C-alpha atoms as a PDB file:
ATOM      1  CA  UNK A   1       9.681   6.336 -18.819  1.00  0.00           C
ATOM      2  CA  UNK A   2      10.088   4.098 -15.736  1.00  0.00           C
ATOM      3  CA  UNK A   3       6.983   3.025 -13.803  1.00  0.00           C
ATOM      4  CA  UNK A   4       6.872   1.533 -10.298  1.00  0.00           C
ATOM      5  CA  UNK A   5       3.954  -0.726  -9.332  1.00  0.00           C
ATOM      6  CA  UNK A   6       3.291  -1.752  -5.720  1.00  0.00           C
ATOM      7  CA  UNK A   7       0.773  -4.617  -5.516  1.00  0.00           C
ATOM      8  CA  UNK A   8      -1.189  -5.604  -2.408  1.00  0.00           C
ATOM      9  CA  UNK A   9      -3.897  -8.274  -2.165  1.00  0.00           C
ATOM     10  CA  UNK A  10      -6.786  -7.127   0.056  1.00  0.00           C
ATOM     11  CA  UNK A  11      -8.029  -4.613  -2.527  1.00  0.00           C
ATOM     12  CA  UNK A  12      -8.254  -7.035  -5.466  1.00  0.00           C
ATOM     13  CA  UNK A  13     -11.526  -7.750  -7.232  1.00  0.00           C
ATOM     14  CA  UNK A  14     -12.989 -10.984  -5.913  1.00  0.00           C
ATOM     15  CA  UNK A  15     -11.338 -10.677  -2.491  1.00  0.00           C
ATOM     16  CA  UNK A  16     -13.534  -9.957   0.525  1.00  0.00           C
ATOM     17  CA  UNK A  17     -12.359 -12.089   3.478  1.00  0.00           C
ATOM     18  CA  UNK A  18      -9.064 -12.361   5.406  1.00  0.00           C
ATOM     19  CA  UNK A  19      -8.962 -16.112   4.690  1.00  0.00           C
ATOM     20  CA  UNK A  20      -8.463 -15.254   1.019  1.00  0.00           C
ATOM     21  CA  UNK A  21      -5.212 -13.372   1.606  1.00  0.00           C
ATOM     22  CA  UNK A  22      -3.275 -15.570   4.034  1.00  0.00           C
ATOM     23  CA  UNK A  23      -2.926 -19.141   5.269  1.00  0.00           C
ATOM     24  CA  UNK A  24      -1.348 -20.908   8.218  1.00  0.00           C
ATOM     25  CA  UNK A  25      -1.112 -24.161  10.166  1.00  0.00           C
ATOM     26  CA  UNK A  26      -3.881 -23.115  12.556  1.00  0.00           C
ATOM     27  CA  UNK A  27      -5.833 -20.933  10.179  1.00  0.00           C
ATOM     28  CA  UNK A  28      -7.214 -21.019   6.645  1.00  0.00           C
ATOM     29  CA  UNK A  29      -5.827 -23.467   4.114  1.00  0.00           C
ATOM     30  CA  UNK A  30      -4.085 -22.478   0.889  1.00  0.00           C
ATOM     31  CA  UNK A  31      -6.979 -22.891  -1.536  1.00  0.00           C
ATOM     32  CA  UNK A  32      -8.440 -19.381  -1.324  1.00  0.00           C
ATOM     33  CA  UNK A  33      -4.994 -17.809  -0.906  1.00  0.00           C
ATOM     34  CA  UNK A  34      -3.646 -19.458  -4.056  1.00  0.00           C
ATOM     35  CA  UNK A  35      -6.661 -18.263  -6.030  1.00  0.00           C
ATOM     36  CA  UNK A  36      -5.939 -14.745  -4.786  1.00  0.00           C
ATOM     37  CA  UNK A  37      -2.338 -15.043  -5.949  1.00  0.00           C
ATOM     38  CA  UNK A  38      -3.666 -15.546  -9.483  1.00  0.00           C
ATOM     39  CA  UNK A  39      -5.987 -12.539  -9.109  1.00  0.00           C
ATOM     40  CA  UNK A  40      -3.022 -10.504  -7.863  1.00  0.00           C
ATOM     41  CA  UNK A  41      -0.973 -11.395 -10.941  1.00  0.00           C
ATOM     42  CA  UNK A  42      -3.913 -10.597 -13.217  1.00  0.00           C
ATOM     43  CA  UNK A  43      -4.365  -7.054 -11.912  1.00  0.00           C
ATOM     44  CA  UNK A  44      -0.593  -6.481 -11.853  1.00  0.00           C
ATOM     45  CA  UNK A  45      -0.345  -7.604 -15.468  1.00  0.00           C
ATOM     46  CA  UNK A  46      -3.145  -5.255 -16.492  1.00  0.00           C
ATOM     47  CA  UNK A  47      -1.184  -2.346 -15.023  1.00  0.00           C
ATOM     48  CA  UNK A  48       2.091  -3.540 -16.553  1.00  0.00           C
ATOM     49  CA  UNK A  49       0.635  -3.899 -20.047  1.00  0.00           C
ATOM     50  CA  UNK A  50      -1.038  -0.492 -19.881  1.00  0.00           C
ATOM     51  CA  UNK A  51       2.209   1.131 -18.723  1.00  0.00           C
ATOM     52  CA  UNK A  52       4.112  -0.303 -21.678  1.00  0.00           C
ATOM     53  CA  UNK A  53       1.294   0.680 -24.039  1.00  0.00           C
ATOM     54  CA  UNK A  54       1.595   4.231 -22.665  1.00  0.00           C
ATOM     55  CA  UNK A  55       5.281   4.339 -23.564  1.00  0.00           C
ATOM     56  CA  UNK A  56       7.091   2.938 -20.528  1.00  0.00           C
ATOM     57  CA  UNK A  57      10.608   1.652 -21.141  1.00  0.00           C
ATOM     58  CA  UNK A  58      10.757  -0.212 -17.849  1.00  0.00           C
ATOM     59  CA  UNK A  59       8.255  -1.403 -15.242  1.00  0.00           C
ATOM     60  CA  UNK A  60       9.251  -2.617 -11.778  1.00  0.00           C
ATOM     61  CA  UNK A  61       6.711  -4.502  -9.642  1.00  0.00           C
ATOM     62  CA  UNK A  62       7.019  -4.722  -5.863  1.00  0.00           C
ATOM     63  CA  UNK A  63       5.144  -7.615  -4.217  1.00  0.00           C
ATOM     64  CA  UNK A  64       3.701  -5.674  -1.266  1.00  0.00           C
ATOM     65  CA  UNK A  65       1.403  -8.129   0.524  1.00  0.00           C
ATOM     66  CA  UNK A  66       1.968 -10.025   3.798  1.00  0.00           C
ATOM     67  CA  UNK A  67       5.162 -12.133   3.388  1.00  0.00           C
ATOM     68  CA  UNK A  68       5.914 -10.225   0.154  1.00  0.00           C
ATOM     69  CA  UNK A  69       6.493 -13.578  -1.541  1.00  0.00           C
ATOM     70  CA  UNK A  70       3.069 -13.944  -3.125  1.00  0.00           C
ATOM     71  CA  UNK A  71       3.493 -13.168  -6.811  1.00  0.00           C
ATOM     72  CA  UNK A  72       4.789 -16.083  -8.841  1.00  0.00           C
ATOM     73  CA  UNK A  73       7.397 -14.725 -11.252  1.00  0.00           C
ATOM     74  CA  UNK A  74       6.187 -17.054 -14.002  1.00  0.00           C
ATOM     75  CA  UNK A  75       2.709 -15.495 -13.802  1.00  0.00           C
ATOM     76  CA  UNK A  76       3.897 -11.942 -14.512  1.00  0.00           C
ATOM     77  CA  UNK A  77       4.277 -10.176 -17.829  1.00  0.00           C
ATOM     78  CA  UNK A  78       7.880 -11.067 -18.787  1.00  0.00           C
ATOM     79  CA  UNK A  79       8.665  -7.453 -19.643  1.00  0.00           C
ATOM     80  CA  UNK A  80       8.442  -6.431 -15.973  1.00  0.00           C
ATOM     81  CA  UNK A  81      10.977  -6.870 -13.178  1.00  0.00           C
ATOM     82  CA  UNK A  82       9.773  -8.266  -9.833  1.00  0.00           C
ATOM     83  CA  UNK A  83      10.976  -7.306  -6.329  1.00  0.00           C
ATOM     84  CA  UNK A  84      10.153 -10.247  -4.059  1.00  0.00           C
ATOM     85  CA  UNK A  85      11.370 -11.365  -0.619  1.00  0.00           C
ATOM     86  CA  UNK A  86      12.011  -9.926   2.841  1.00  0.00           C
ATOM     87  CA  UNK A  87      12.081  -6.144   2.492  1.00  0.00           C
ATOM     88  CA  UNK A  88      13.453  -3.569   4.921  1.00  0.00           C
ATOM     89  CA  UNK A  89      11.458  -0.848   3.117  1.00  0.00           C
ATOM     90  CA  UNK A  90       8.331  -2.979   2.842  1.00  0.00           C
ATOM     91  CA  UNK A  91       5.735  -1.773   0.339  1.00  0.00           C
ATOM     92  CA  UNK A  92       8.094   0.867  -1.121  1.00  0.00           C
ATOM     93  CA  UNK A  93      11.172  -1.326  -1.622  1.00  0.00           C
ATOM     94  CA  UNK A  94      12.997  -0.329  -4.789  1.00  0.00           C
ATOM     95  CA  UNK A  95      12.349   3.397  -4.458  1.00  0.00           C
ATOM     96  CA  UNK A  96      15.289   5.708  -3.708  1.00  0.00           C
ATOM     97  CA  UNK A  97      17.906   2.993  -3.491  1.00  0.00           C
ATOM     98  CA  UNK A  98      21.468   3.491  -4.697  1.00  0.00           C
ATOM     99  CA  UNK A  99      21.887   2.656  -8.357  1.00  0.00           C
ATOM    100  CA  UNK A 100      18.173   2.100  -8.947  1.00  0.00           C
ATOM    101  CA  UNK A 101      17.499   5.316 -10.835  1.00  0.00           C
ATOM    102  CA  UNK A 102      14.408   7.493 -10.828  1.00  0.00           C
ATOM    103  CA  UNK A 103      10.803   6.547 -11.552  1.00  0.00           C
ATOM    104  CA  UNK A 104       8.366   8.778 -13.402  1.00  0.00           C
ATOM    105  CA  UNK A 105       5.292   7.564 -11.531  1.00  0.00           C
ATOM    106  CA  UNK A 106       3.992   4.923  -9.134  1.00  0.00           C
ATOM    107  CA  UNK A 107       0.786   2.878  -9.304  1.00  0.00           C
ATOM    108  CA  UNK A 108      -0.711   1.138  -6.262  1.00  0.00           C
ATOM    109  CA  UNK A 109      -2.776  -1.948  -7.141  1.00  0.00           C
ATOM    110  CA  UNK A 110      -4.907  -4.071  -4.800  1.00  0.00           C
ATOM    111  CA  UNK A 111      -4.735  -1.503  -1.989  1.00  0.00           C
ATOM    112  CA  UNK A 112      -7.324  -1.116   0.782  1.00  0.00           C
ATOM    113  CA  UNK A 113      -8.766   1.442   3.198  1.00  0.00           C
ATOM    114  CA  UNK A 114      -7.024   2.392   6.424  1.00  0.00           C
ATOM    115  CA  UNK A 115      -7.524   0.954   9.892  1.00  0.00           C
ATOM    116  CA  UNK A 116     -10.885   1.745  11.417  1.00  0.00           C
ATOM    117  CA  UNK A 117     -12.800   2.460   8.216  1.00  0.00           C
ATOM    118  CA  UNK A 118     -16.422   1.456   8.913  1.00  0.00           C
ATOM    119  CA  UNK A 119     -16.936  -0.526   5.694  1.00  0.00           C
ATOM    120  CA  UNK A 120     -13.505  -0.918   4.061  1.00  0.00           C
ATOM    121  CA  UNK A 121     -12.759  -4.492   2.998  1.00  0.00           C
ATOM    122  CA  UNK A 122     -10.102  -5.961   5.326  1.00  0.00           C
ATOM    123  CA  UNK A 123      -9.289  -2.360   6.274  1.00  0.00           C
ATOM    124  CA  UNK A 124      -6.042  -1.944   8.213  1.00  0.00           C
ATOM    125  CA  UNK A 125      -2.846   0.097   8.194  1.00  0.00           C
ATOM    126  CA  UNK A 126       0.241  -2.100   7.953  1.00  0.00           C
ATOM    127  CA  UNK A 127      -0.910  -4.319  10.831  1.00  0.00           C
ATOM    128  CA  UNK A 128      -4.388  -5.395  11.844  1.00  0.00           C
ATOM    129  CA  UNK A 129      -2.879  -6.875  15.026  1.00  0.00           C
ATOM    130  CA  UNK A 130      -1.217  -3.759  16.444  1.00  0.00           C
ATOM    131  CA  UNK A 131      -2.264  -0.498  14.711  1.00  0.00           C
ATOM    132  CA  UNK A 132      -5.561   1.341  15.162  1.00  0.00           C
ATOM    133  CA  UNK A 133      -4.686   4.586  13.324  1.00  0.00           C
ATOM    134  CA  UNK A 134      -1.708   6.482  11.901  1.00  0.00           C
ATOM    135  CA  UNK A 135      -1.675  10.269  11.585  1.00  0.00           C
ATOM    136  CA  UNK A 136       0.827  12.544   9.867  1.00  0.00           C
ATOM    137  CA  UNK A 137       0.523  16.143  11.024  1.00  0.00           C
ATOM    138  CA  UNK A 138      -2.847  15.225  12.507  1.00  0.00           C
ATOM    139  CA  UNK A 139      -4.270  13.769   9.271  1.00  0.00           C
ATOM    140  CA  UNK A 140      -5.122  10.029   9.188  1.00  0.00           C
ATOM    141  CA  UNK A 141      -2.973   8.177   6.654  1.00  0.00           C
ATOM    142  CA  UNK A 142      -3.689   4.766   5.181  1.00  0.00           C
ATOM    143  CA  UNK A 143      -1.023   2.618   3.520  1.00  0.00           C
ATOM    144  CA  UNK A 144      -1.393   4.481   0.224  1.00  0.00           C
ATOM    145  CA  UNK A 145      -0.774   7.789   2.006  1.00  0.00           C
ATOM    146  CA  UNK A 146       2.226   6.566   4.002  1.00  0.00           C
ATOM    147  CA  UNK A 147       3.789   4.968   0.933  1.00  0.00           C
ATOM    148  CA  UNK A 148       3.060   8.040  -1.202  1.00  0.00           C
ATOM    149  CA  UNK A 149       4.861  10.167   1.380  1.00  0.00           C
ATOM    150  CA  UNK A 150       8.040   8.152   0.954  1.00  0.00           C
ATOM    151  CA  UNK A 151       7.956   7.856  -2.837  1.00  0.00           C
ATOM    152  CA  UNK A 152       7.103  11.561  -3.007  1.00  0.00           C
ATOM    153  CA  UNK A 153      10.263  12.360  -1.062  1.00  0.00           C
ATOM    154  CA  UNK A 154      12.171  10.664  -3.904  1.00  0.00           C
ATOM    155  CA  UNK A 155      10.374  12.667  -6.574  1.00  0.00           C
ATOM    156  CA  UNK A 156       7.890   9.981  -7.578  1.00  0.00           C
ATOM    157  CA  UNK A 157       4.196  10.962  -7.843  1.00  0.00           C
ATOM    158  CA  UNK A 158       1.417   8.428  -7.317  1.00  0.00           C
ATOM    159  CA  UNK A 159      -0.472   8.201 -10.590  1.00  0.00           C
ATOM    160  CA  UNK A 160      -3.116   5.612  -9.716  1.00  0.00           C
ATOM    161  CA  UNK A 161      -4.572   3.702  -6.760  1.00  0.00           C
ATOM    162  CA  UNK A 162      -6.876   0.694  -7.294  1.00  0.00           C
ATOM    163  CA  UNK A 163      -9.060  -1.007  -4.687  1.00  0.00           C
ATOM    164  CA  UNK A 164     -12.526  -0.631  -3.183  1.00  0.00           C
ATOM    165  CA  UNK A 165     -14.693   2.478  -3.005  1.00  0.00           C
ATOM    166  CA  UNK A 166     -13.775   3.019   0.665  1.00  0.00           C
ATOM    167  CA  UNK A 167     -10.139   3.353  -0.358  1.00  0.00           C
ATOM    168  CA  UNK A 168     -11.095   5.667  -3.228  1.00  0.00           C
ATOM    169  CA  UNK A 169     -12.740   8.057  -0.777  1.00  0.00           C
ATOM    170  CA  UNK A 170      -9.620   8.198   1.379  1.00  0.00           C
ATOM    171  CA  UNK A 171      -7.351   8.630  -1.645  1.00  0.00           C
ATOM    172  CA  UNK A 172      -9.473  11.514  -2.904  1.00  0.00           C
ATOM    173  CA  UNK A 173      -8.570  13.390   0.292  1.00  0.00           C
ATOM    174  CA  UNK A 174      -4.899  12.356   0.508  1.00  0.00           C
ATOM    175  CA  UNK A 175      -3.914  12.172  -3.181  1.00  0.00           C
ATOM    176  CA  UNK A 176      -6.565  14.078  -5.147  1.00  0.00           C
ATOM    177  CA  UNK A 177      -4.450  14.107  -8.326  1.00  0.00           C
ATOM    178  CA  UNK A 178      -4.207  10.287  -8.459  1.00  0.00           C
ATOM    179  CA  UNK A 179      -6.468   8.248 -10.708  1.00  0.00           C
ATOM    180  CA  UNK A 180      -8.828   6.143  -8.585  1.00  0.00           C
ATOM    181  CA  UNK A 181      -9.984   2.781  -9.929  1.00  0.00           C
ATOM    182  CA  UNK A 182     -12.789   1.095  -7.985  1.00  0.00           C
ATOM    183  CA  UNK A 183     -12.888  -2.680  -8.521  1.00  0.00           C
ATOM    184  CA  UNK A 184     -15.442  -3.462  -5.783  1.00  0.00           C
ATOM    185  CA  UNK A 185     -17.966  -1.831  -3.480  1.00  0.00           C
ATOM    186  CA  UNK A 186     -17.111  -2.233   0.201  1.00  0.00           C
ATOM    187  CA  UNK A 187     -20.095  -3.495   2.192  1.00  0.00           C
ATOM    188  CA  UNK A 188     -18.216  -4.390   5.369  1.00  0.00           C
ATOM    189  CA  UNK A 189     -14.917  -5.664   6.734  1.00  0.00           C
ATOM    190  CA  UNK A 190     -15.397  -9.065   5.075  1.00  0.00           C
ATOM    191  CA  UNK A 191     -18.087  -8.286   2.515  1.00  0.00           C
ATOM    192  CA  UNK A 192     -17.933  -6.784  -0.967  1.00  0.00           C
ATOM    193  CA  UNK A 193     -19.792  -6.440  -4.243  1.00  0.00           C
ATOM    194  CA  UNK A 194     -17.057  -6.993  -6.813  1.00  0.00           C
ATOM    195  CA  UNK A 195     -16.419  -6.575 -10.490  1.00  0.00           C
ATOM    196  CA  UNK A 196     -15.378  -9.715 -12.318  1.00  0.00           C
ATOM    197  CA  UNK A 197     -11.593 -10.162 -12.568  1.00  0.00           C
ATOM    198  CA  UNK A 198     -11.796  -9.449 -16.305  1.00  0.00           C
ATOM    199  CA  UNK A 199     -13.737  -6.215 -15.791  1.00  0.00           C
ATOM    200  CA  UNK A 200     -11.361  -5.146 -13.016  1.00  0.00           C
ATOM    201  CA  UNK A 201      -8.326  -5.739 -15.220  1.00  0.00           C
ATOM    202  CA  UNK A 202      -9.886  -3.691 -18.004  1.00  0.00           C
ATOM    203  CA  UNK A 203     -10.690  -0.838 -15.599  1.00  0.00           C
ATOM    204  CA  UNK A 204      -7.137  -0.860 -14.248  1.00  0.00           C
ATOM    205  CA  UNK A 205      -5.614  -0.848 -17.710  1.00  0.00           C
ATOM    206  CA  UNK A 206      -7.770   2.080 -18.781  1.00  0.00           C
ATOM    207  CA  UNK A 207      -6.995   3.890 -15.536  1.00  0.00           C
ATOM    208  CA  UNK A 208      -3.238   3.511 -15.975  1.00  0.00           C
ATOM    209  CA  UNK A 209      -3.513   4.848 -19.519  1.00  0.00           C
ATOM    210  CA  UNK A 210      -5.475   7.895 -18.315  1.00  0.00           C
ATOM    211  CA  UNK A 211      -3.039   8.532 -15.463  1.00  0.00           C
ATOM    212  CA  UNK A 212       0.102   8.303 -17.564  1.00  0.00           C
ATOM    213  CA  UNK A 213      -1.418  10.537 -20.224  1.00  0.00           C
ATOM    214  CA  UNK A 214      -1.401  13.371 -17.675  1.00  0.00           C
ATOM    215  CA  UNK A 215       1.946  12.940 -15.947  1.00  0.00           C
ATOM    216  CA  UNK A 216       2.453  16.701 -15.967  1.00  0.00           C
ATOM    217  CA  UNK A 217      -0.623  17.128 -13.710  1.00  0.00           C
ATOM    218  CA  UNK A 218       0.569  14.750 -10.981  1.00  0.00           C
ATOM    219  CA  UNK A 219       1.949  16.057  -7.697  1.00  0.00           C
ATOM    220  CA  UNK A 220       4.204  14.764  -4.958  1.00  0.00           C
ATOM    221  CA  UNK A 221       2.893  14.070  -1.467  1.00  0.00           C
ATOM    222  CA  UNK A 222       5.166  16.195   0.721  1.00  0.00           C
ATOM    223  CA  UNK A 223       4.173  16.719   4.378  1.00  0.00           C
ATOM    224  CA  UNK A 224       4.760  20.004   6.170  1.00  0.00           C
ATOM    225  CA  UNK A 225       8.039  19.772   8.069  1.00  0.00           C
ATOM    226  CA  UNK A 226       8.950  18.726  10.612  1.00  0.00           C
ATOM    227  CA  UNK A 227       6.460  15.935  10.074  1.00  0.00           C
ATOM    228  CA  UNK A 228       4.761  14.651  13.217  1.00  0.00           C
ATOM    229  CA  UNK A 229       3.860  10.972  13.041  1.00  0.00           C
ATOM    230  CA  UNK A 230       1.508   9.625  15.685  1.00  0.00           C
ATOM    231  CA  UNK A 231       0.450   5.984  15.942  1.00  0.00           C
ATOM    232  CA  UNK A 232      -2.473   4.679  17.996  1.00  0.00           C
ATOM    233  CA  UNK A 233      -1.790   1.075  18.935  1.00  0.00           C
ATOM    234  CA  UNK A 234      -4.194  -1.667  19.931  1.00  0.00           C
ATOM    235  CA  UNK A 235      -2.741  -2.216  23.414  1.00  0.00           C
ATOM    236  CA  UNK A 236      -0.696  -0.065  25.821  1.00  0.00           C
ATOM    237  CA  UNK A 237       2.073  -2.683  25.684  1.00  0.00           C
ATOM    238  CA  UNK A 238       2.480  -2.016  21.956  1.00  0.00           C
ATOM    239  CA  UNK A 239       3.009   1.670  22.714  1.00  0.00           C
ATOM    240  CA  UNK A 240       5.476   0.840  25.496  1.00  0.00           C
ATOM    241  CA  UNK A 241       7.627  -1.253  23.136  1.00  0.00           C
ATOM    242  CA  UNK A 242       7.412   1.306  20.311  1.00  0.00           C
ATOM    243  CA  UNK A 243       8.398   4.185  22.616  1.00  0.00           C
ATOM    244  CA  UNK A 244      11.805   2.544  23.138  1.00  0.00           C
ATOM    245  CA  UNK A 245      12.813   4.000  19.772  1.00  0.00           C
ATOM    246  CA  UNK A 246      15.033   7.070  20.309  1.00  0.00           C
ATOM    247  CA  UNK A 247      13.058  10.270  19.762  1.00  0.00           C
ATOM    248  CA  UNK A 248       9.692   8.579  20.337  1.00  0.00           C
ATOM    249  CA  UNK A 249       7.450   9.580  23.192  1.00  0.00           C
ATOM    250  CA  UNK A 250       4.174   8.324  24.620  1.00  0.00           C
ATOM    251  CA  UNK A 251       1.384  10.730  23.713  1.00  0.00           C
ATOM    252  CA  UNK A 252      -1.389   8.666  25.282  1.00  0.00           C
ATOM    253  CA  UNK A 253      -1.990   5.276  26.904  1.00  0.00           C
ATOM    254  CA  UNK A 254      -1.862   3.533  23.504  1.00  0.00           C
ATOM    255  CA  UNK A 255      -0.231   6.247  21.385  1.00  0.00           C
ATOM    256  CA  UNK A 256       3.323   7.158  20.403  1.00  0.00           C
ATOM    257  CA  UNK A 257       4.509  10.350  18.732  1.00  0.00           C
ATOM    258  CA  UNK A 258       7.715  11.026  16.827  1.00  0.00           C
ATOM    259  CA  UNK A 259       8.994  13.879  14.631  1.00  0.00           C
ATOM    260  CA  UNK A 260      10.812  13.575  11.313  1.00  0.00           C
ATOM    261  CA  UNK A 261      12.775  15.999   9.173  1.00  0.00           C
ATOM    262  CA  UNK A 262      11.368  14.781   5.833  1.00  0.00           C
ATOM    263  CA  UNK A 263       9.058  12.211   4.228  1.00  0.00           C
ATOM    264  CA  UNK A 264      11.748   9.547   4.074  1.00  0.00           C
ATOM    265  CA  UNK A 265      12.482   9.839   7.781  1.00  0.00           C
ATOM    266  CA  UNK A 266       8.770   9.940   8.625  1.00  0.00           C
ATOM    267  CA  UNK A 267       8.146   6.693   6.758  1.00  0.00           C
ATOM    268  CA  UNK A 268      11.187   4.936   8.229  1.00  0.00           C
ATOM    269  CA  UNK A 269      10.301   6.002  11.774  1.00  0.00           C
ATOM    270  CA  UNK A 270       6.735   4.830  11.305  1.00  0.00           C
ATOM    271  CA  UNK A 271       8.053   1.437  10.152  1.00  0.00           C
ATOM    272  CA  UNK A 272      10.342   1.307  13.171  1.00  0.00           C
ATOM    273  CA  UNK A 273       7.461   2.064  15.552  1.00  0.00           C
ATOM    274  CA  UNK A 274       5.332  -0.584  13.868  1.00  0.00           C
ATOM    275  CA  UNK A 275       8.055  -3.218  14.103  1.00  0.00           C
ATOM    276  CA  UNK A 276       8.955  -2.351  17.687  1.00  0.00           C
ATOM    277  CA  UNK A 277       5.295  -2.773  18.686  1.00  0.00           C
ATOM    278  CA  UNK A 278       5.182  -6.166  16.982  1.00  0.00           C
ATOM    279  CA  UNK A 279       8.149  -7.245  19.127  1.00  0.00           C
ATOM    280  CA  UNK A 280       5.853  -7.152  22.155  1.00  0.00           C
ATOM    281  CA  UNK A 281       4.466 -10.482  21.010  1.00  0.00           C
ATOM    282  CA  UNK A 282       0.841  -9.423  21.498  1.00  0.00           C
END
């Protein structure tokens, strides 16, 4: 059994503020960020250990936050393999690539609610700077949903999603078969009531065990085809830059619409729209 684990940072226990998940020369210093890196490794290791305890032969971990160079390899369970660095396929790197082989299930750790959620902790969808909402066939999709669409195209079901209770509510609608582990209660964009790291790791480990014990009940997220992806951007200029992509069209002052023939194409075209908008420099 091969298990894929995608690990983000905003949804970790103990994390409630953007300054805890990034740093920069004109922004927050590294102290909170480095503490969050340790929390990230702790929750990843809980999922890794539980996967091996459930019978996994191989576990691959994708560092899926920000620069995607957050997890320190020396902090991870040595039985796992780590995908780290600049990634064309972002949070789903390692899925569906030539020679990589198939995975039996995916687990999403440290994930968060989608852009615009009224209480979700650091809620956003791929970019807090440019994206206001993403819809697939008219249904709002957060990062878990968009990523599940791509891994589902490659035959990989999402077994578990861990984060705050705002995320759990969204996942219940998008991926009702997935185990939902709540490590904190979302009280606002930068406010949470959190489990201790130890309690969160225990909950994640138990959740992974439960999820992998019922692999035969898991389903793939497969959108009706052709899939229509529509992105609402923060500014009209973002939409103008994104609409340069062939096949994309403006569907509103700040919105761009594009069709895709399958889940893989839908995910890739969303990423292209997102990256084209970022090129506007706003």
